[in-house]
Amino acid sequence: MKDIIYFTKEDGNNRLLFTSNNGSTNWRGAISKLGLKKAEKQLGHKPTNIYMLVDGCEIKLI
């Protein structure tokens, strides 16, 4: 299984939000109310963008 990395781009820097195993987490969970709350708690503010990195491919979720 491949790991999926979820991150945000803040001030030109990538900031790690969380990671997941490809078989255990759906990308919709990262942008759900719970996922956004977790990201907000980690960043200290609501994220304006969230990306996922899968197998070297960067995908913008919001």
N, C-alpha and C. Protein backbone atom coordinates (compact mmCIF):
# COMPACT_ATOMS: atom_id res chain seq x y z
N MET A 1 0.84 -1.19 0.00
CA MET A 1 0.00 0.00 0.00
C MET A 1 0.89 1.25 0.00
N LYS A 2 0.42 2.26 -0.67
CA LYS A 2 1.14 3.51 -0.73
C LYS A 2 0.59 4.48 0.32
N ASP A 3 1.49 5.31 0.84
CA ASP A 3 1.06 6.35 1.75
C ASP A 3 0.59 7.55 0.97
N ILE A 4 -0.42 8.23 1.50
CA ILE A 4 -0.92 9.47 0.92
C ILE A 4 -0.58 10.58 1.89
N ILE A 5 0.00 11.64 1.38
CA ILE A 5 0.40 12.78 2.20
C ILE A 5 -0.55 13.93 1.91
N TYR A 6 -1.14 14.48 2.96
CA TYR A 6 -2.02 15.65 2.84
C TYR A 6 -1.27 16.85 3.39
N PHE A 7 -1.27 17.94 2.65
CA PHE A 7 -0.52 19.12 3.07
C PHE A 7 -1.21 20.38 2.56
N THR A 8 -0.75 21.50 3.09
CA THR A 8 -1.22 22.80 2.65
C THR A 8 -0.02 23.62 2.25
N LYS A 9 -0.24 24.58 1.39
CA LYS A 9 0.83 25.48 0.95
C LYS A 9 0.59 26.82 1.63
N GLU A 10 1.36 27.09 2.64
CA GLU A 10 1.23 28.32 3.43
C GLU A 10 2.47 29.18 3.21
N ASP A 11 2.30 30.39 2.75
CA ASP A 11 3.39 31.33 2.54
C ASP A 11 4.51 30.75 1.68
N GLY A 12 4.14 29.98 0.67
CA GLY A 12 5.13 29.40 -0.23
C GLY A 12 5.79 28.13 0.28
N ASN A 13 5.41 27.69 1.47
CA ASN A 13 5.98 26.47 2.04
C ASN A 13 4.91 25.40 2.17
N ASN A 14 5.30 24.17 1.94
CA ASN A 14 4.39 23.05 2.15
C ASN A 14 4.38 22.71 3.64
N ARG A 15 3.18 22.59 4.22
CA ARG A 15 3.05 22.23 5.64
C ARG A 15 2.25 20.95 5.74
N LEU A 16 2.88 19.94 6.30
CA LEU A 16 2.26 18.63 6.45
C LEU A 16 1.05 18.72 7.37
N LEU A 17 -0.06 18.15 6.94
CA LEU A 17 -1.25 18.07 7.78
C LEU A 17 -1.38 16.69 8.39
N PHE A 18 -1.40 15.66 7.55
CA PHE A 18 -1.45 14.29 8.03
C PHE A 18 -1.14 13.34 6.87
N THR A 19 -0.92 12.09 7.22
CA THR A 19 -0.69 11.06 6.22
C THR A 19 -1.68 9.93 6.44
N SER A 20 -1.87 9.13 5.41
CA SER A 20 -2.75 7.98 5.56
C SER A 20 -2.27 6.86 4.65
N ASN A 21 -2.71 5.67 4.96
CA ASN A 21 -2.42 4.52 4.13
C ASN A 21 -3.49 4.45 3.06
N ASN A 22 -3.11 4.17 1.85
CA ASN A 22 -4.04 4.15 0.71
C ASN A 22 -5.26 3.27 0.96
N GLY A 23 -5.11 2.19 1.70
CA GLY A 23 -6.22 1.28 1.91
C GLY A 23 -7.13 1.65 3.06
N SER A 24 -6.72 2.62 3.90
CA SER A 24 -7.50 2.88 5.10
C SER A 24 -8.26 4.21 5.12
N THR A 25 -7.88 5.16 4.27
CA THR A 25 -8.50 6.48 4.34
C THR A 25 -8.90 6.96 2.95
N ASN A 26 -10.06 7.55 2.88
CA ASN A 26 -10.57 8.11 1.65
C ASN A 26 -10.21 9.59 1.61
N TRP A 27 -9.90 10.13 0.45
CA TRP A 27 -9.52 11.54 0.35
C TRP A 27 -10.64 12.47 0.81
N ARG A 28 -11.88 12.02 0.74
CA ARG A 28 -13.00 12.86 1.19
C ARG A 28 -12.92 13.15 2.69
N GLY A 29 -12.30 12.25 3.43
CA GLY A 29 -12.13 12.45 4.86
C GLY A 29 -11.24 13.65 5.18
N ALA A 30 -10.28 13.93 4.30
CA ALA A 30 -9.37 15.05 4.52
C ALA A 30 -10.09 16.39 4.41
N ILE A 31 -11.15 16.44 3.61
CA ILE A 31 -11.86 17.72 3.44
C ILE A 31 -13.24 17.68 4.10
N SER A 32 -13.47 16.67 4.92
CA SER A 32 -14.72 16.61 5.68
C SER A 32 -14.65 17.61 6.83
N LYS A 33 -15.76 17.80 7.52
CA LYS A 33 -15.76 18.72 8.67
C LYS A 33 -14.72 18.30 9.71
N LEU A 34 -14.64 17.01 9.97
CA LEU A 34 -13.68 16.50 10.95
C LEU A 34 -12.25 16.70 10.47
N GLY A 35 -11.99 16.41 9.20
CA GLY A 35 -10.65 16.60 8.64
C GLY A 35 -10.21 18.05 8.67
N LEU A 36 -11.14 18.94 8.33
CA LEU A 36 -10.81 20.37 8.35
C LEU A 36 -10.59 20.88 9.77
N LYS A 37 -11.34 20.34 10.73
CA LYS A 37 -11.13 20.72 12.14
C LYS A 37 -9.74 20.29 12.61
N LYS A 38 -9.35 19.08 12.22
CA LYS A 38 -8.03 18.57 12.59
C LYS A 38 -6.93 19.45 11.99
N ALA A 39 -7.10 19.83 10.72
CA ALA A 39 -6.13 20.70 10.05
C ALA A 39 -6.08 22.07 10.72
N GLU A 40 -7.25 22.61 11.05
CA GLU A 40 -7.31 23.93 11.71
C GLU A 40 -6.62 23.90 13.07
N LYS A 41 -6.82 22.82 13.80
CA LYS A 41 -6.18 22.69 15.11
C LYS A 41 -4.66 22.64 14.96
N GLN A 42 -4.19 21.95 13.96
CA GLN A 42 -2.75 21.83 13.74
C GLN A 42 -2.13 23.14 13.26
N LEU A 43 -2.83 23.85 12.37
CA LEU A 43 -2.29 25.09 11.81
C LEU A 43 -2.53 26.31 12.69
N GLY A 44 -3.61 26.28 13.46
CA GLY A 44 -3.98 27.44 14.25
C GLY A 44 -4.95 28.35 13.51
N HIS A 45 -5.31 27.99 12.30
CA HIS A 45 -6.28 28.73 11.50
C HIS A 45 -6.85 27.79 10.44
N LYS A 46 -7.95 28.18 9.83
CA LYS A 46 -8.58 27.34 8.81
C LYS A 46 -7.70 27.33 7.55
N PRO A 47 -7.41 26.14 7.01
CA PRO A 47 -6.58 26.10 5.81
C PRO A 47 -7.32 26.66 4.59
N THR A 48 -6.60 27.37 3.75
CA THR A 48 -7.20 27.92 2.55
C THR A 48 -7.05 26.97 1.36
N ASN A 49 -6.17 25.98 1.50
CA ASN A 49 -5.99 24.99 0.46
C ASN A 49 -5.49 23.68 1.09
N ILE A 50 -5.85 22.58 0.47
CA ILE A 50 -5.36 21.27 0.90
C ILE A 50 -5.02 20.48 -0.36
N TYR A 51 -3.83 19.91 -0.35
CA TYR A 51 -3.35 19.09 -1.45
C TYR A 51 -3.10 17.68 -0.93
N MET A 52 -3.10 16.73 -1.85
CA MET A 52 -2.68 15.38 -1.50
C MET A 52 -1.59 14.97 -2.48
N LEU A 53 -0.64 14.19 -1.99
CA LEU A 53 0.46 13.69 -2.81
C LEU A 53 0.35 12.18 -2.83
N VAL A 54 0.11 11.62 -4.02
CA VAL A 54 -0.03 10.19 -4.19
C VAL A 54 0.91 9.75 -5.30
N ASP A 55 1.83 8.88 -4.96
CA ASP A 55 2.75 8.32 -5.95
C ASP A 55 3.42 9.41 -6.79
N GLY A 56 3.82 10.50 -6.14
CA GLY A 56 4.51 11.59 -6.83
C GLY A 56 3.61 12.56 -7.57
N CYS A 57 2.31 12.35 -7.51
CA CYS A 57 1.35 13.22 -8.19
C CYS A 57 0.65 14.12 -7.17
N GLU A 58 0.75 15.43 -7.37
CA GLU A 58 0.13 16.40 -6.46
C GLU A 58 -1.27 16.75 -6.96
N ILE A 59 -2.26 16.62 -6.09
CA ILE A 59 -3.65 16.88 -6.46
C ILE A 59 -4.24 17.89 -5.48
N LYS A 60 -4.82 18.97 -6.02
CA LYS A 60 -5.44 19.99 -5.16
C LYS A 60 -6.86 19.56 -4.83
N LEU A 61 -7.17 19.47 -3.52
CA LEU A 61 -8.50 19.10 -3.08
C LEU A 61 -9.38 20.32 -2.85
N ILE A 62 -8.84 21.33 -2.20
CA ILE A 62 -9.55 22.62 -2.03
C ILE A 62 -8.56 23.74 -2.14
